[in-house]
């Protein structure tokens, strides 16, 4: 037994100090982590960390085209005239690194490496004969087209990512209003509004008011109107003396005025033959 333990036993009422390997519980009770929803107040002593758990990748690529474009832009190569020897050598060096860690991920990059080697081998062969005035097909043309399309899409995605995003760059303002202070009324649909309007129209038809007014009509006045109509005209057809748009009472008074004028022999009512049109003319012709 050590001297510190012996001295602690010699002093009654005092406990021996806790071993250094055992960490004391936090005073405020804050958990350092949670495991399956349960709080952990101390780090476990038997925690196993795999050797490759803390491996850091400085460059992360989204695929073979992303890696190939990175190698071209990093060294300022002309994308329309790619030096395949240098690019392929650097590409294979990166593939060898990821093959040691993730063989499944390396399979996608190996397919592009095989394509680069094939293009390089086709460039070493003599070009195919083409017709006069035509250029020989460049084996790198298809690869260049795919790289340019991928770069355009990547730049467009970067511009979209720079736009403000809800939850990342800003938050939506939310205001809580008590139900007692802000009553919630039911929404009115268009069908309900139409039915209410039709019901009002139906009730309006049941309650209608008619105001009957008596129009003052003078026979003498209409006699003057008939005489003015006939002046300067040799004959006027009987139907043309009546204004149908003014209603039946006016037509009746006009007819009475014409009969009164005929009785006083101021106009003549003639007919060429039976069932022929009736004409009216002045009995005298003014000088």
Protein backbone atom coordinates (compact mmCIF):
# COMPACT_ATOMS: atom_id res chain seq x y z
CA UNK A 1 0.00 0.00 0.00
CA UNK A 2 1.34 3.46 -0.91
CA UNK A 3 2.13 6.22 1.57
CA UNK A 4 -0.77 8.43 0.36
CA UNK A 5 -3.27 5.64 0.92
CA UNK A 6 -1.79 4.84 4.34
CA UNK A 7 -1.96 8.47 5.38
CA UNK A 8 -5.59 8.71 4.22
CA UNK A 9 -6.50 5.63 6.29
CA UNK A 10 -4.72 7.08 9.32
CA UNK A 11 -6.95 10.21 9.15
CA UNK A 12 -10.51 9.13 10.02
CA UNK A 13 -13.39 10.88 8.21
CA UNK A 14 -11.43 11.49 5.02
CA UNK A 15 -11.74 9.47 1.77
CA UNK A 16 -8.80 8.53 -0.43
CA UNK A 17 -8.42 10.62 -3.61
CA UNK A 18 -10.06 9.31 -6.81
CA UNK A 19 -7.80 7.60 -9.33
CA UNK A 20 -6.54 9.84 -12.14
CA UNK A 21 -7.95 7.57 -14.87
CA UNK A 22 -11.56 8.09 -13.72
CA UNK A 23 -12.97 11.46 -14.87
CA UNK A 24 -15.33 13.20 -12.49
CA UNK A 25 -18.89 13.92 -13.54
CA UNK A 26 -19.50 17.48 -14.80
CA UNK A 27 -20.95 19.75 -12.22
CA UNK A 28 -23.58 21.30 -14.53
CA UNK A 29 -24.69 17.92 -15.91
CA UNK A 30 -24.06 18.78 -19.59
CA UNK A 31 -23.64 15.69 -21.79
CA UNK A 32 -20.54 15.50 -23.98
CA UNK A 33 -22.36 13.30 -26.54
CA UNK A 34 -25.46 11.20 -27.11
CA UNK A 35 -25.51 7.52 -27.99
CA UNK A 36 -28.86 6.10 -29.23
CA UNK A 37 -30.62 9.06 -27.59
CA UNK A 38 -28.96 8.50 -24.19
CA UNK A 39 -26.62 11.25 -22.84
CA UNK A 40 -22.96 10.49 -22.16
CA UNK A 41 -21.37 12.51 -19.37
CA UNK A 42 -17.85 11.06 -19.81
CA UNK A 43 -15.81 9.76 -22.71
CA UNK A 44 -15.77 5.94 -22.90
CA UNK A 45 -12.41 4.35 -22.06
CA UNK A 46 -12.76 1.50 -24.59
CA UNK A 47 -13.51 3.72 -27.65
CA UNK A 48 -11.93 2.28 -30.82
CA UNK A 49 -11.05 4.66 -33.65
CA UNK A 50 -10.09 2.98 -36.98
CA UNK A 51 -6.79 4.15 -38.48
CA UNK A 52 -8.44 5.57 -41.62
CA UNK A 53 -11.23 7.37 -39.78
CA UNK A 54 -9.32 10.65 -39.61
CA UNK A 55 -8.01 10.59 -43.19
CA UNK A 56 -8.35 13.97 -44.91
CA UNK A 57 -8.79 14.49 -48.64
CA UNK A 58 -7.61 17.91 -49.74
CA UNK A 59 -9.33 17.74 -53.15
CA UNK A 60 -12.76 16.15 -53.52
CA UNK A 61 -13.94 15.52 -57.06
CA UNK A 62 -17.44 14.70 -58.20
CA UNK A 63 -16.39 12.31 -60.94
CA UNK A 64 -13.83 11.56 -63.65
CA UNK A 65 -14.76 14.61 -65.74
CA UNK A 66 -14.39 16.84 -62.68
CA UNK A 67 -10.88 15.49 -62.01
CA UNK A 68 -9.86 15.80 -65.65
CA UNK A 69 -11.16 19.37 -65.87
CA UNK A 70 -9.31 20.23 -62.64
CA UNK A 71 -5.99 18.96 -64.05
CA UNK A 72 -6.46 20.93 -67.28
CA UNK A 73 -7.45 24.22 -65.63
CA UNK A 74 -4.83 23.95 -62.88
CA UNK A 75 -1.98 23.89 -65.43
CA UNK A 76 -3.65 26.36 -67.82
CA UNK A 77 -3.80 23.87 -70.67
CA UNK A 78 -5.84 24.75 -73.74
CA UNK A 79 -8.94 22.62 -73.51
CA UNK A 80 -9.18 22.51 -77.32
CA UNK A 81 -5.61 21.14 -77.55
CA UNK A 82 -5.14 18.87 -74.54
CA UNK A 83 -1.63 17.39 -74.03
CA UNK A 84 -2.89 13.88 -73.31
CA UNK A 85 0.49 12.48 -72.24
CA UNK A 86 0.89 14.84 -69.25
CA UNK A 87 -2.79 14.80 -68.31
CA UNK A 88 -3.03 11.00 -68.48
CA UNK A 89 0.10 10.59 -66.33
CA UNK A 90 -1.29 12.86 -63.60
CA UNK A 91 -4.73 11.29 -63.87
CA UNK A 92 -3.35 7.75 -63.38
CA UNK A 93 -1.31 8.93 -60.37
CA UNK A 94 -4.49 10.13 -58.67
CA UNK A 95 -6.33 6.91 -59.57
CA UNK A 96 -3.52 4.84 -57.99
CA UNK A 97 -4.02 6.76 -54.74
CA UNK A 98 -7.75 6.15 -54.48
CA UNK A 99 -7.40 2.46 -55.51
CA UNK A 100 -5.64 1.78 -52.20
CA UNK A 101 -8.60 3.12 -50.21
CA UNK A 102 -11.79 2.71 -52.22
CA UNK A 103 -11.76 0.22 -55.06
CA UNK A 104 -15.44 0.78 -55.89
CA UNK A 105 -14.89 4.52 -56.32
CA UNK A 106 -11.76 3.90 -58.42
CA UNK A 107 -13.73 1.84 -60.95
CA UNK A 108 -15.41 4.96 -62.33
CA UNK A 109 -12.06 6.70 -62.74
CA UNK A 110 -10.47 3.63 -64.37
CA UNK A 111 -13.05 3.78 -67.17
CA UNK A 112 -12.00 7.36 -67.99
CA UNK A 113 -8.31 6.34 -67.74
CA UNK A 114 -8.92 3.62 -70.34
CA UNK A 115 -10.60 6.20 -72.59
CA UNK A 116 -7.61 8.56 -72.26
CA UNK A 117 -5.19 5.76 -73.17
CA UNK A 118 -7.33 4.83 -76.16
CA UNK A 119 -7.42 8.42 -77.40
CA UNK A 120 -3.64 8.71 -76.96
CA UNK A 121 -3.07 5.50 -78.92
CA UNK A 122 -5.37 6.71 -81.75
CA UNK A 123 -3.35 9.94 -81.95
CA UNK A 124 -0.14 7.92 -82.43
CA UNK A 125 -1.62 6.05 -85.39
CA UNK A 126 -1.63 7.60 -88.88
CA UNK A 127 -4.82 9.59 -89.48
CA UNK A 128 -7.55 8.14 -91.68
CA UNK A 129 -7.77 9.28 -95.25
CA UNK A 130 -10.47 11.84 -95.89
CA UNK A 131 -11.80 13.54 -98.99
CA UNK A 132 -10.05 16.56 -100.38
CA UNK A 133 -10.88 19.78 -98.55
CA UNK A 134 -12.01 18.00 -95.34
CA UNK A 135 -10.13 17.95 -92.04
CA UNK A 136 -9.25 14.68 -90.35
CA UNK A 137 -11.29 13.88 -87.28
CA UNK A 138 -9.50 14.68 -84.00
CA UNK A 139 -9.73 11.73 -81.55
CA UNK A 140 -9.98 14.28 -78.72
CA UNK A 141 -13.08 15.98 -80.16
CA UNK A 142 -15.66 13.92 -78.23
CA UNK A 143 -13.74 14.31 -74.96
CA UNK A 144 -13.44 18.09 -75.47
CA UNK A 145 -17.19 18.35 -76.12
CA UNK A 146 -18.00 16.48 -72.92
CA UNK A 147 -15.57 18.61 -70.90
CA UNK A 148 -17.03 21.88 -72.21
CA UNK A 149 -20.60 20.77 -71.47
CA UNK A 150 -19.62 19.64 -67.98
CA UNK A 151 -17.86 22.96 -67.29
CA UNK A 152 -20.93 24.96 -68.36
CA UNK A 153 -23.17 22.88 -66.09
CA UNK A 154 -20.73 23.20 -63.19
CA UNK A 155 -20.54 27.00 -63.54
CA UNK A 156 -24.34 27.24 -63.73
CA UNK A 157 -24.64 25.10 -60.60
CA UNK A 158 -22.16 27.36 -58.81
CA UNK A 159 -24.19 30.46 -59.75
CA UNK A 160 -27.36 28.80 -58.44
CA UNK A 161 -25.58 27.86 -55.22
CA UNK A 162 -24.61 31.51 -54.65
CA UNK A 163 -28.26 32.55 -54.65
CA UNK A 164 -29.83 33.09 -51.20
CA UNK A 165 -31.34 29.89 -49.82
CA UNK A 166 -34.01 29.67 -47.16
CA UNK A 167 -32.56 28.18 -44.01
CA UNK A 168 -28.96 28.73 -45.09
CA UNK A 169 -28.70 32.45 -45.83
CA UNK A 170 -31.93 33.78 -44.34
CA UNK A 171 -34.86 32.63 -42.26
CA UNK A 172 -38.54 33.18 -42.81
CA UNK A 173 -40.08 35.53 -40.27
CA UNK A 174 -42.77 33.83 -38.22
CA UNK A 175 -45.20 35.59 -35.92
CA UNK A 176 -47.39 33.69 -33.51
CA UNK A 177 -50.82 35.24 -32.92
CA UNK A 178 -53.10 34.01 -30.21
CA UNK A 179 -56.34 32.51 -31.47
CA UNK A 180 -58.34 34.60 -29.03
CA UNK A 181 -56.91 37.84 -30.43
CA UNK A 182 -57.20 36.94 -34.11
CA UNK A 183 -60.48 35.14 -34.85
CA UNK A 184 -60.43 32.71 -37.72
CA UNK A 185 -63.36 33.11 -40.09
CA UNK A 186 -64.30 30.47 -42.64
CA UNK A 187 -63.35 31.11 -46.25
CA UNK A 188 -66.10 32.12 -48.67
CA UNK A 189 -66.13 30.14 -51.88
CA UNK A 190 -67.23 31.56 -55.24
CA UNK A 191 -70.13 29.09 -55.35
CA UNK A 192 -71.48 30.34 -52.02
CA UNK A 193 -71.28 33.96 -53.21
CA UNK A 194 -73.16 33.10 -56.42
CA UNK A 195 -75.93 31.27 -54.52
CA UNK A 196 -76.36 34.24 -52.16
CA UNK A 197 -76.68 36.63 -55.11
CA UNK A 198 -79.26 34.43 -56.85
CA UNK A 199 -81.29 34.28 -53.63
CA UNK A 200 -81.32 38.10 -53.43
CA UNK A 201 -82.53 38.33 -57.03
CA UNK A 202 -85.28 35.81 -56.34
CA UNK A 203 -86.55 37.80 -53.36
CA UNK A 204 -86.35 41.07 -55.34
CA UNK A 205 -88.71 39.62 -57.97
CA UNK A 206 -91.28 38.86 -55.28
CA UNK A 207 -91.27 42.43 -54.00
CA UNK A 208 -91.68 44.85 -56.90
CA UNK A 209 -93.18 48.31 -56.99
CA UNK A 210 -94.88 49.72 -60.08
CA UNK A 211 -95.45 53.43 -60.38
CA UNK A 212 -98.16 54.32 -62.87
CA UNK A 213 -98.09 57.87 -64.14
CA UNK A 214 -100.67 59.47 -66.40
CA UNK A 215 -99.30 61.11 -69.51
CA UNK A 216 -101.03 64.31 -70.52
CA UNK A 217 -101.97 63.95 -74.20
CA UNK A 218 -103.69 66.71 -76.15
CA UNK A 219 -105.75 66.00 -79.28
CA UNK A 220 -105.28 69.58 -80.49
CA UNK A 221 -101.50 69.25 -80.16
CA UNK A 222 -101.47 66.07 -82.20
CA UNK A 223 -103.73 67.68 -84.82
CA UNK A 224 -101.02 70.31 -85.29
CA UNK A 225 -98.38 67.57 -85.53
CA UNK A 226 -100.36 65.79 -88.29
CA UNK A 227 -100.81 69.02 -90.24
CA UNK A 228 -97.07 69.81 -90.01
CA UNK A 229 -96.29 66.30 -91.24
CA UNK A 230 -98.54 66.69 -94.28
CA UNK A 231 -97.31 70.15 -95.25
CA UNK A 232 -95.17 70.19 -98.38
CA UNK A 233 -96.01 66.62 -99.25
CA UNK A 234 -98.55 65.50 -101.81
CA UNK A 235 -99.52 62.21 -100.19
CA UNK A 236 -98.45 60.48 -96.97
CA UNK A 237 -99.18 56.84 -96.32
CA UNK A 238 -101.54 56.23 -93.44
CA UNK A 239 -99.01 54.08 -91.54
CA UNK A 240 -96.31 56.78 -91.66
CA UNK A 241 -98.39 59.11 -89.47
CA UNK A 242 -98.04 56.87 -86.42
CA UNK A 243 -94.93 56.62 -84.20
CA UNK A 244 -95.01 53.04 -82.90
CA UNK A 245 -92.11 53.61 -80.52
CA UNK A 246 -94.10 56.12 -78.40
CA UNK A 247 -96.63 53.56 -77.29
CA UNK A 248 -100.30 52.81 -77.77
CA UNK A 249 -101.76 55.88 -75.99
CA UNK A 250 -99.97 58.26 -78.38
CA UNK A 251 -101.11 56.24 -81.37
CA UNK A 252 -104.74 56.41 -80.19
CA UNK A 253 -104.60 60.20 -79.72
CA UNK A 254 -102.96 60.59 -83.15
CA UNK A 255 -105.77 58.58 -84.75
CA UNK A 256 -108.41 60.69 -83.00
CA UNK A 257 -106.64 63.86 -84.15
CA UNK A 258 -106.67 62.61 -87.75
CA UNK A 259 -110.41 61.83 -87.56
CA UNK A 260 -111.06 65.27 -86.12
CA UNK A 261 -109.16 66.87 -89.00
CA UNK A 262 -111.12 64.81 -91.50
CA UNK A 263 -114.38 65.86 -89.83
CA UNK A 264 -113.35 69.49 -90.13
CA UNK A 265 -112.41 68.82 -93.81
CA UNK A 266 -108.82 69.84 -93.31
CA UNK A 267 -107.45 66.61 -94.79
CA UNK A 268 -108.61 63.90 -97.14
CA UNK A 269 -108.24 60.14 -96.73
CA UNK A 270 -108.07 58.43 -100.15
CA UNK A 271 -107.48 54.97 -101.61
CA UNK A 272 -106.74 54.09 -105.23
CA UNK A 273 -108.72 50.85 -105.17
CA UNK A 274 -110.04 48.23 -102.79
CA UNK A 275 -107.47 46.76 -100.44
CA UNK A 276 -104.90 49.26 -101.72
CA UNK A 277 -102.76 51.32 -99.32
CA UNK A 278 -104.51 54.26 -97.66
CA UNK A 279 -103.07 57.73 -98.23
CA UNK A 280 -103.67 61.01 -96.42
CA UNK A 281 -103.25 64.51 -97.91
CA UNK A 282 -104.20 68.04 -97.05
CA UNK A 283 -107.57 69.18 -98.33
CA UNK A 284 -106.00 72.49 -99.33
CA UNK A 285 -102.60 73.37 -100.65
CA UNK A 286 -101.05 76.47 -99.08
CA UNK A 287 -99.85 79.10 -101.52
